[in-house]
Amino acid sequence: MNLGFLVGFFGVLILSHAAYSTIQYRGLLKIMEEEFSRPPINVILELIIGLALCMWAALTFPGKFLSIHPDSDENRAVSLPDNSDFMIFNHRGRLFPPEIEMKF
């Protein structure tokens, strides 16, 4: 497993713990019949840390960015052979006339 995956998993665990803590806090406030204004500061800190870890993992886990230029050697789509198996000519576009001559 990659380090980015482990950090992301740990970030998701922290976020889920913050959600669980908030649910418990709201339940406690309902028992004490108090108004919910905001979550406690420790839950807010957990959210910030979990968000930072998840963002870091999302940026590092996927790996290397590939070029999108059509002339690039790394671009797979350019090097694929022409395959007409995926061309579909029997679609609803045939219902429309091919040319519409409109004169104003």
Protein backbone atom coordinates (compact mmCIF):
# COMPACT_ATOMS: atom_id res chain seq x y z
CA MET A 1 0.00 0.00 0.00
CA ASN A 2 1.08 3.49 -0.76
CA LEU A 3 1.76 6.15 1.87
CA GLY A 4 -0.82 8.43 0.23
CA PHE A 5 -3.47 5.73 0.56
CA LEU A 6 -2.71 5.23 4.26
CA VAL A 7 -2.79 8.96 4.95
CA GLY A 8 -6.10 9.25 3.09
CA PHE A 9 -7.56 6.34 5.01
CA PHE A 10 -6.44 7.91 8.29
CA GLY A 11 -7.97 11.23 7.19
CA VAL A 12 -11.30 9.54 6.46
CA LEU A 13 -11.19 7.89 9.89
CA ILE A 14 -10.60 11.27 11.53
CA LEU A 15 -13.48 12.83 9.58
CA SER A 16 -15.83 10.00 10.53
CA HIS A 17 -14.80 10.35 14.19
CA ALA A 18 -15.54 14.08 14.02
CA ALA A 19 -18.99 13.35 12.59
CA TYR A 20 -19.66 10.78 15.32
CA SER A 21 -18.49 13.23 18.00
CA THR A 22 -20.80 15.92 16.64
CA ILE A 23 -23.77 13.53 16.70
CA GLN A 24 -22.96 12.58 20.30
CA TYR A 25 -22.61 16.26 21.27
CA ARG A 26 -25.98 17.12 19.74
CA GLY A 27 -27.58 14.21 21.59
CA LEU A 28 -26.08 15.46 24.85
CA LEU A 29 -27.43 18.95 24.18
CA LYS A 30 -30.91 17.52 23.54
CA ILE A 31 -30.80 15.72 26.88
CA MET A 32 -29.69 18.91 28.64
CA GLU A 33 -32.29 20.90 26.62
CA GLU A 34 -29.77 23.41 25.29
CA GLU A 35 -29.54 25.02 21.86
CA PHE A 36 -26.93 23.79 19.34
CA SER A 37 -24.85 26.74 18.18
CA ARG A 38 -21.66 25.13 16.89
CA PRO A 39 -19.61 21.97 17.44
CA PRO A 40 -16.88 21.97 20.10
CA ILE A 41 -13.41 23.23 19.21
CA ASN A 42 -11.88 19.72 19.28
CA VAL A 43 -14.33 18.60 16.58
CA ILE A 44 -13.47 21.64 14.45
CA LEU A 45 -9.76 20.83 14.82
CA GLU A 46 -10.45 17.20 13.83
CA LEU A 47 -12.30 18.42 10.75
CA ILE A 48 -9.43 20.68 9.70
CA ILE A 49 -6.81 17.96 10.25
CA GLY A 50 -8.91 15.31 8.49
CA LEU A 51 -9.58 17.63 5.55
CA ALA A 52 -5.89 18.47 5.22
CA LEU A 53 -4.91 14.78 5.30
CA CYS A 54 -7.56 13.83 2.73
CA MET A 55 -6.55 16.66 0.42
CA TRP A 56 -2.87 15.71 0.67
CA ALA A 57 -3.71 12.07 -0.06
CA ALA A 58 -5.92 13.01 -3.01
CA LEU A 59 -3.09 15.01 -4.55
CA THR A 60 -0.34 12.44 -3.99
CA PHE A 61 -2.07 9.05 -4.30
CA PRO A 62 -3.10 9.11 -8.00
CA GLY A 63 0.51 9.36 -9.14
CA LYS A 64 2.13 11.11 -12.06
CA PHE A 65 0.18 13.52 -14.24
CA LEU A 66 0.26 12.65 -17.94
CA SER A 67 0.48 15.04 -20.86
CA ILE A 68 -2.72 15.98 -22.68
CA HIS A 69 -1.05 17.33 -25.80
CA PRO A 70 -2.09 15.39 -28.91
CA ASP A 71 1.47 15.16 -30.24
CA SER A 72 2.90 13.80 -27.00
CA ASP A 73 4.42 10.31 -26.96
CA GLU A 74 2.87 9.67 -23.55
CA ASN A 75 -0.64 10.16 -24.88
CA ARG A 76 -2.28 6.75 -25.25
CA ALA A 77 -5.25 7.95 -27.28
CA VAL A 78 -3.03 9.00 -30.17
CA SER A 79 -1.21 5.66 -30.27
CA LEU A 80 -4.38 3.54 -30.31
CA PRO A 81 -5.25 2.01 -33.68
CA ASP A 82 -8.28 3.27 -35.53
CA ASN A 83 -11.11 0.99 -34.54
CA SER A 84 -14.50 1.39 -36.15
CA ASP A 85 -16.22 -1.04 -33.76
CA PHE A 86 -17.26 1.85 -31.54
CA MET A 87 -18.74 3.98 -34.33
CA ILE A 88 -22.53 3.94 -34.18
CA PHE A 89 -24.49 5.21 -37.14
CA ASN A 90 -27.92 3.99 -36.09
CA HIS A 91 -28.88 6.68 -33.58
CA ARG A 92 -31.63 9.24 -33.13
CA GLY A 93 -29.70 11.86 -35.10
CA ARG A 94 -30.91 10.20 -38.30
CA LEU A 95 -34.42 11.47 -37.59
CA PHE A 96 -33.36 15.03 -38.23
CA PRO A 97 -32.85 16.19 -41.79
CA PRO A 98 -29.17 16.48 -42.71
CA GLU A 99 -29.51 20.00 -44.12
CA ILE A 100 -31.87 22.72 -43.14
CA GLU A 101 -32.00 25.55 -45.60
CA MET A 102 -33.40 28.59 -43.89
CA LYS A 103 -33.65 31.93 -45.60
CA PHE A 104 -34.54 35.03 -43.70
